[in-house]
Each structure stands twice: as structure tokens, then as C-alpha cells.
Amino acid sequence: MGRRSGCLQIISSELKGSSAQNDPLTGLLGIRLFFRKALMVARRENPKGRLSLYCPTYFNLTNFRLYNSLHGLAAGDHCLKYIASVLQQSFPDALISHLSADGFAVLAMKKDLFQTIEVVCSRVNAYINNSNIVLKAGVCLVEEDDIYIVRHTFDMAKIACDT
């Protein structure tokens, strides 16, 4: 019989939580910290955690696997860093997170939001220069009397982005 070898890594939950504060690739907020801060913003605006001044926005880079296949993983990482920098430049006061391989979330003020989204998508799509690989966005417009919780609003923005 062959010998099996393995490795077990044990880290404290404190260390695990602190390492997830920021996305290691982009430097943007990690998903847990992002949603924690987004909820704090919502509660600061309204004790029930409703959003009215802010708009949850989800960005998705379609066919990111194709980008990686065509250009390589290092170029894919560089592309994600580029998207992160464009988002930070375009939404300097917003909460921004790299949620997944090709997904980003932004909690931005509603003022001039749609124009800013157009600029972000245009810059990224010009950088990629491939009509099969595009950055698109979805938003969840929340009215003052809506009772959506913060996490749900980003799910709604993702659905909007996907459709």
C-alpha cells in the first residue's frame, strides 16, 4: 500500500476573520466586511436598515473564463485589478467589494449613478476590447418605503445584471 501524506493547517478564527477583511488580489473590501459596512451605512440612514440615498450595484464581467483562456491567468488578474482601480476612481466615496472571480459590488450614492456606471463599463470594455467579454451592471433602486435588507438588495442588483 502506498503511503498517504497530508497537511493540516489550523488557524484561529480571529486570524481567519482578519485575513478576510480585504480581497488579496484587488485590495478591495472582502465580502464579509463589505456587507457589514453596507449594513452599518443602511442603519445609519435608517434604524431598520433600509437604503434610500444609496443604490446597491452589481458589476459582472461576462465570459471571464474566456478572457483567462485567451490571455492567461496573470492577464486575468491584471484585468481584475484594472476593474478595481476604475471602480475606485469612479466611486471614490463608495463601498466597493470584489465578491467573486468576476463579480464586484458597489454601494454608491444615487446621484449621477447611471452616468458613472456608463463610464465604468465603457472604460473597462475599451480595455478588454472584445465584444464577447463585457462588463455589465445591475442596480436595485430602493425607495424609502421599501423594506429590503442590505444583502437582499445586492441579490436583486445581481439578478438585474444577469438579465
C-alpha atoms as a PDB file:
ATOM      1  CA  MET A   1       0.000   0.000   0.000  1.00  0.00           C
ATOM      2  CA  GLY A   2       1.161   3.476  -0.792  1.00  0.00           C
ATOM      3  CA  ARG A   3       1.725   5.954   1.958  1.00  0.00           C
ATOM      4  CA  ARG A   4      -0.520   8.944   2.143  1.00  0.00           C
ATOM      5  CA  SER A   5       0.724  12.252   3.283  1.00  0.00           C
ATOM      6  CA  GLY A   6      -1.333  15.227   4.154  1.00  0.00           C
ATOM      7  CA  CYS A   7      -1.223  18.632   5.639  1.00  0.00           C
ATOM      8  CA  LEU A   8      -3.498  20.195   8.182  1.00  0.00           C
ATOM      9  CA  GLN A   9      -3.444  23.902   8.760  1.00  0.00           C
ATOM     10  CA  ILE A  10      -5.020  25.269  11.910  1.00  0.00           C
ATOM     11  CA  ILE A  11      -5.611  28.964  12.312  1.00  0.00           C
ATOM     12  CA  SER A  12      -7.570  30.865  14.893  1.00  0.00           C
ATOM     13  CA  SER A  13     -10.951  32.280  13.936  1.00  0.00           C
ATOM     14  CA  GLU A  14      -9.573  35.724  14.795  1.00  0.00           C
ATOM     15  CA  LEU A  15      -6.808  35.363  12.231  1.00  0.00           C
ATOM     16  CA  LYS A  16      -9.195  33.915   9.668  1.00  0.00           C
ATOM     17  CA  GLY A  17     -11.568  36.852  10.138  1.00  0.00           C
ATOM     18  CA  SER A  18      -8.802  39.416   9.860  1.00  0.00           C
ATOM     19  CA  SER A  19      -7.367  37.897   6.686  1.00  0.00           C
ATOM     20  CA  ALA A  20     -10.774  38.136   5.013  1.00  0.00           C
ATOM     21  CA  GLN A  21     -11.036  41.875   5.604  1.00  0.00           C
ATOM     22  CA  ASN A  22      -9.701  42.736   2.131  1.00  0.00           C
ATOM     23  CA  ASP A  23      -9.524  40.833  -1.113  1.00  0.00           C
ATOM     24  CA  PRO A  24      -5.850  39.868  -1.545  1.00  0.00           C
ATOM     25  CA  LEU A  25      -5.858  40.381  -5.326  1.00  0.00           C
ATOM     26  CA  THR A  26      -7.623  43.729  -5.676  1.00  0.00           C
ATOM     27  CA  GLY A  27      -7.221  45.211  -2.206  1.00  0.00           C
ATOM     28  CA  LEU A  28     -10.967  45.921  -2.157  1.00  0.00           C
ATOM     29  CA  LEU A  29     -13.142  45.051   0.814  1.00  0.00           C
ATOM     30  CA  GLY A  30     -13.724  41.359   1.408  1.00  0.00           C
ATOM     31  CA  ILE A  31     -17.294  40.159   1.136  1.00  0.00           C
ATOM     32  CA  ARG A  32     -17.935  39.857   4.885  1.00  0.00           C
ATOM     33  CA  LEU A  33     -16.524  43.288   5.727  1.00  0.00           C
ATOM     34  CA  PHE A  34     -18.308  44.828   2.750  1.00  0.00           C
ATOM     35  CA  PHE A  35     -21.738  43.607   3.838  1.00  0.00           C
ATOM     36  CA  ARG A  36     -21.035  44.508   7.467  1.00  0.00           C
ATOM     37  CA  LYS A  37     -20.144  48.084   6.433  1.00  0.00           C
ATOM     38  CA  ALA A  38     -23.081  48.284   3.996  1.00  0.00           C
ATOM     39  CA  LEU A  39     -25.449  47.336   6.800  1.00  0.00           C
ATOM     40  CA  MET A  40     -23.870  49.994   9.026  1.00  0.00           C
ATOM     41  CA  VAL A  41     -24.445  52.595   6.294  1.00  0.00           C
ATOM     42  CA  ALA A  42     -28.050  51.485   5.920  1.00  0.00           C
ATOM     43  CA  ARG A  43     -28.666  51.584   9.687  1.00  0.00           C
ATOM     44  CA  ARG A  44     -27.058  54.998   9.934  1.00  0.00           C
ATOM     45  CA  GLU A  45     -29.514  56.195   7.302  1.00  0.00           C
ATOM     46  CA  ASN A  46     -32.490  54.358   8.803  1.00  0.00           C
ATOM     47  CA  PRO A  47     -32.682  52.303  12.019  1.00  0.00           C
ATOM     48  CA  LYS A  48     -34.429  49.439  10.192  1.00  0.00           C
ATOM     49  CA  GLY A  49     -31.537  49.112   7.749  1.00  0.00           C
ATOM     50  CA  ARG A  50     -33.329  50.486   4.709  1.00  0.00           C
ATOM     51  CA  LEU A  51     -31.484  52.193   1.885  1.00  0.00           C
ATOM     52  CA  SER A  52     -32.848  55.285   0.187  1.00  0.00           C
ATOM     53  CA  LEU A  53     -29.869  57.548  -0.575  1.00  0.00           C
ATOM     54  CA  TYR A  54     -27.674  54.675  -1.735  1.00  0.00           C
ATOM     55  CA  CYS A  55     -28.006  52.230  -4.558  1.00  0.00           C
ATOM     56  CA  PRO A  56     -26.696  48.654  -4.462  1.00  0.00           C
ATOM     57  CA  THR A  57     -24.913  47.982  -7.742  1.00  0.00           C
ATOM     58  CA  TYR A  58     -23.503  44.712  -9.011  1.00  0.00           C
ATOM     59  CA  PHE A  59     -20.873  44.534 -11.774  1.00  0.00           C
ATOM     60  CA  ASN A  60     -20.204  41.318 -13.677  1.00  0.00           C
ATOM     61  CA  LEU A  61     -17.508  40.619 -16.242  1.00  0.00           C
ATOM     62  CA  THR A  62     -19.153  38.212 -18.671  1.00  0.00           C
ATOM     63  CA  ASN A  63     -17.124  35.326 -20.079  1.00  0.00           C
ATOM     64  CA  PHE A  64     -14.197  35.909 -17.734  1.00  0.00           C
ATOM     65  CA  ARG A  65     -13.061  32.324 -18.305  1.00  0.00           C
ATOM     66  CA  LEU A  66     -12.720  33.144 -21.987  1.00  0.00           C
ATOM     67  CA  TYR A  67     -10.553  36.142 -21.082  1.00  0.00           C
ATOM     68  CA  ASN A  68      -8.308  33.906 -18.985  1.00  0.00           C
ATOM     69  CA  SER A  69      -8.150  31.327 -21.798  1.00  0.00           C
ATOM     70  CA  LEU A  70      -7.192  33.929 -24.385  1.00  0.00           C
ATOM     71  CA  HIS A  71      -4.745  35.964 -22.316  1.00  0.00           C
ATOM     72  CA  GLY A  72      -3.645  33.761 -19.402  1.00  0.00           C
ATOM     73  CA  LEU A  73      -4.282  33.878 -15.660  1.00  0.00           C
ATOM     74  CA  ALA A  74      -1.768  36.659 -14.973  1.00  0.00           C
ATOM     75  CA  ALA A  75      -3.523  38.893 -17.502  1.00  0.00           C
ATOM     76  CA  GLY A  76      -6.866  37.928 -15.943  1.00  0.00           C
ATOM     77  CA  ASP A  77      -5.588  39.013 -12.535  1.00  0.00           C
ATOM     78  CA  HIS A  78      -4.339  42.264 -14.058  1.00  0.00           C
ATOM     79  CA  CYS A  79      -7.765  42.812 -15.634  1.00  0.00           C
ATOM     80  CA  LEU A  80      -9.483  42.368 -12.261  1.00  0.00           C
ATOM     81  CA  LYS A  81      -7.054  44.841 -10.692  1.00  0.00           C
ATOM     82  CA  TYR A  82      -7.821  47.268 -13.519  1.00  0.00           C
ATOM     83  CA  ILE A  83     -11.562  46.929 -12.911  1.00  0.00           C
ATOM     84  CA  ALA A  84     -10.978  47.532  -9.194  1.00  0.00           C
ATOM     85  CA  SER A  85      -8.988  50.684  -9.925  1.00  0.00           C
ATOM     86  CA  VAL A  86     -11.642  52.008 -12.338  1.00  0.00           C
ATOM     87  CA  LEU A  87     -14.336  51.395  -9.714  1.00  0.00           C
ATOM     88  CA  GLN A  88     -12.274  53.154  -7.027  1.00  0.00           C
ATOM     89  CA  GLN A  89     -11.621  56.140  -9.298  1.00  0.00           C
ATOM     90  CA  SER A  90     -15.243  56.351 -10.402  1.00  0.00           C
ATOM     91  CA  PHE A  91     -16.803  55.816  -6.963  1.00  0.00           C
ATOM     92  CA  PRO A  92     -14.251  57.401  -4.595  1.00  0.00           C
ATOM     93  CA  ASP A  93     -16.622  57.591  -1.610  1.00  0.00           C
ATOM     94  CA  ALA A  94     -18.425  54.280  -2.120  1.00  0.00           C
ATOM     95  CA  LEU A  95     -18.071  50.877  -0.506  1.00  0.00           C
ATOM     96  CA  ILE A  96     -16.618  48.509  -3.102  1.00  0.00           C
ATOM     97  CA  SER A  97     -16.005  44.762  -2.928  1.00  0.00           C
ATOM     98  CA  HIS A  98     -14.584  42.074  -5.187  1.00  0.00           C
ATOM     99  CA  LEU A  99     -17.196  39.412  -4.454  1.00  0.00           C
ATOM    100  CA  SER A 100     -16.090  36.590  -6.717  1.00  0.00           C
ATOM    101  CA  ALA A 101     -13.899  35.822  -9.708  1.00  0.00           C
ATOM    102  CA  ASP A 102     -15.804  38.178 -11.993  1.00  0.00           C
ATOM    103  CA  GLY A 103     -18.242  39.960  -9.668  1.00  0.00           C
ATOM    104  CA  PHE A 104     -17.960  43.303  -7.900  1.00  0.00           C
ATOM    105  CA  ALA A 105     -20.397  45.117  -5.620  1.00  0.00           C
ATOM    106  CA  VAL A 106     -20.641  48.866  -5.072  1.00  0.00           C
ATOM    107  CA  LEU A 107     -22.797  50.725  -2.581  1.00  0.00           C
ATOM    108  CA  ALA A 108     -22.827  54.225  -4.034  1.00  0.00           C
ATOM    109  CA  MET A 109     -24.881  57.354  -3.697  1.00  0.00           C
ATOM    110  CA  LYS A 110     -27.741  57.503  -6.213  1.00  0.00           C
ATOM    111  CA  LYS A 111     -26.648  60.909  -7.509  1.00  0.00           C
ATOM    112  CA  ASP A 112     -25.182  60.555 -11.036  1.00  0.00           C
ATOM    113  CA  LEU A 113     -25.079  56.776 -10.582  1.00  0.00           C
ATOM    114  CA  PHE A 114     -26.180  55.775 -14.075  1.00  0.00           C
ATOM    115  CA  GLN A 115     -23.732  58.124 -15.790  1.00  0.00           C
ATOM    116  CA  THR A 116     -20.923  56.765 -13.630  1.00  0.00           C
ATOM    117  CA  ILE A 117     -21.896  53.172 -14.432  1.00  0.00           C
ATOM    118  CA  GLU A 118     -21.763  54.017 -18.151  1.00  0.00           C
ATOM    119  CA  VAL A 119     -18.277  55.471 -17.751  1.00  0.00           C
ATOM    120  CA  VAL A 120     -17.034  52.441 -15.786  1.00  0.00           C
ATOM    121  CA  CYS A 121     -18.400  49.932 -18.296  1.00  0.00           C
ATOM    122  CA  SER A 122     -17.077  51.933 -21.265  1.00  0.00           C
ATOM    123  CA  ARG A 123     -13.569  52.191 -19.794  1.00  0.00           C
ATOM    124  CA  VAL A 124     -13.379  48.510 -18.896  1.00  0.00           C
ATOM    125  CA  ASN A 125     -14.886  47.335 -22.167  1.00  0.00           C
ATOM    126  CA  ALA A 126     -12.436  49.512 -24.132  1.00  0.00           C
ATOM    127  CA  TYR A 127      -9.588  47.980 -22.111  1.00  0.00           C
ATOM    128  CA  ILE A 128     -10.781  44.434 -22.844  1.00  0.00           C
ATOM    129  CA  ASN A 129     -11.634  45.207 -26.483  1.00  0.00           C
ATOM    130  CA  ASN A 130     -13.629  42.018 -27.097  1.00  0.00           C
ATOM    131  CA  SER A 131     -17.390  42.117 -27.696  1.00  0.00           C
ATOM    132  CA  ASN A 132     -17.719  38.612 -26.211  1.00  0.00           C
ATOM    133  CA  ILE A 133     -16.249  39.733 -22.873  1.00  0.00           C
ATOM    134  CA  VAL A 134     -18.007  42.755 -21.422  1.00  0.00           C
ATOM    135  CA  LEU A 135     -18.562  44.393 -18.075  1.00  0.00           C
ATOM    136  CA  LYS A 136     -22.202  44.918 -17.295  1.00  0.00           C
ATOM    137  CA  ALA A 137     -24.017  46.289 -14.267  1.00  0.00           C
ATOM    138  CA  GLY A 138     -27.264  45.793 -12.428  1.00  0.00           C
ATOM    139  CA  VAL A 139     -28.818  48.054  -9.833  1.00  0.00           C
ATOM    140  CA  CYS A 140     -31.537  47.720  -7.242  1.00  0.00           C
ATOM    141  CA  LEU A 141     -33.380  51.008  -6.921  1.00  0.00           C
ATOM    142  CA  VAL A 142     -34.725  51.162  -3.394  1.00  0.00           C
ATOM    143  CA  GLU A 143     -37.487  53.570  -2.491  1.00  0.00           C
ATOM    144  CA  GLU A 144     -37.755  54.998   1.003  1.00  0.00           C
ATOM    145  CA  ASP A 145     -40.718  52.821   1.938  1.00  0.00           C
ATOM    146  CA  ASP A 146     -39.162  49.577   0.674  1.00  0.00           C
ATOM    147  CA  ILE A 147     -38.139  47.163   3.406  1.00  0.00           C
ATOM    148  CA  TYR A 148     -35.361  45.277   1.636  1.00  0.00           C
ATOM    149  CA  ILE A 149     -32.445  44.366   3.803  1.00  0.00           C
ATOM    150  CA  VAL A 150     -28.995  45.234   2.524  1.00  0.00           C
ATOM    151  CA  ARG A 151     -27.905  41.735   1.424  1.00  0.00           C
ATOM    152  CA  HIS A 152     -31.172  41.215  -0.440  1.00  0.00           C
ATOM    153  CA  THR A 153     -30.724  44.463  -2.389  1.00  0.00           C
ATOM    154  CA  PHE A 154     -27.390  43.243  -3.768  1.00  0.00           C
ATOM    155  CA  ASP A 155     -29.029  39.945  -4.754  1.00  0.00           C
ATOM    156  CA  MET A 156     -31.630  41.993  -6.636  1.00  0.00           C
ATOM    157  CA  ALA A 157     -28.855  44.031  -8.307  1.00  0.00           C
ATOM    158  CA  LYS A 158     -27.121  40.807  -9.374  1.00  0.00           C
ATOM    159  CA  ILE A 159     -30.350  39.492 -10.864  1.00  0.00           C
ATOM    160  CA  ALA A 160     -30.732  42.774 -12.755  1.00  0.00           C
ATOM    161  CA  CYS A 161     -27.174  42.444 -14.012  1.00  0.00           C
ATOM    162  CA  ASP A 162     -27.721  38.860 -15.132  1.00  0.00           C
ATOM    163  CA  THR A 163     -30.855  39.700 -17.115  1.00  0.00           C
END
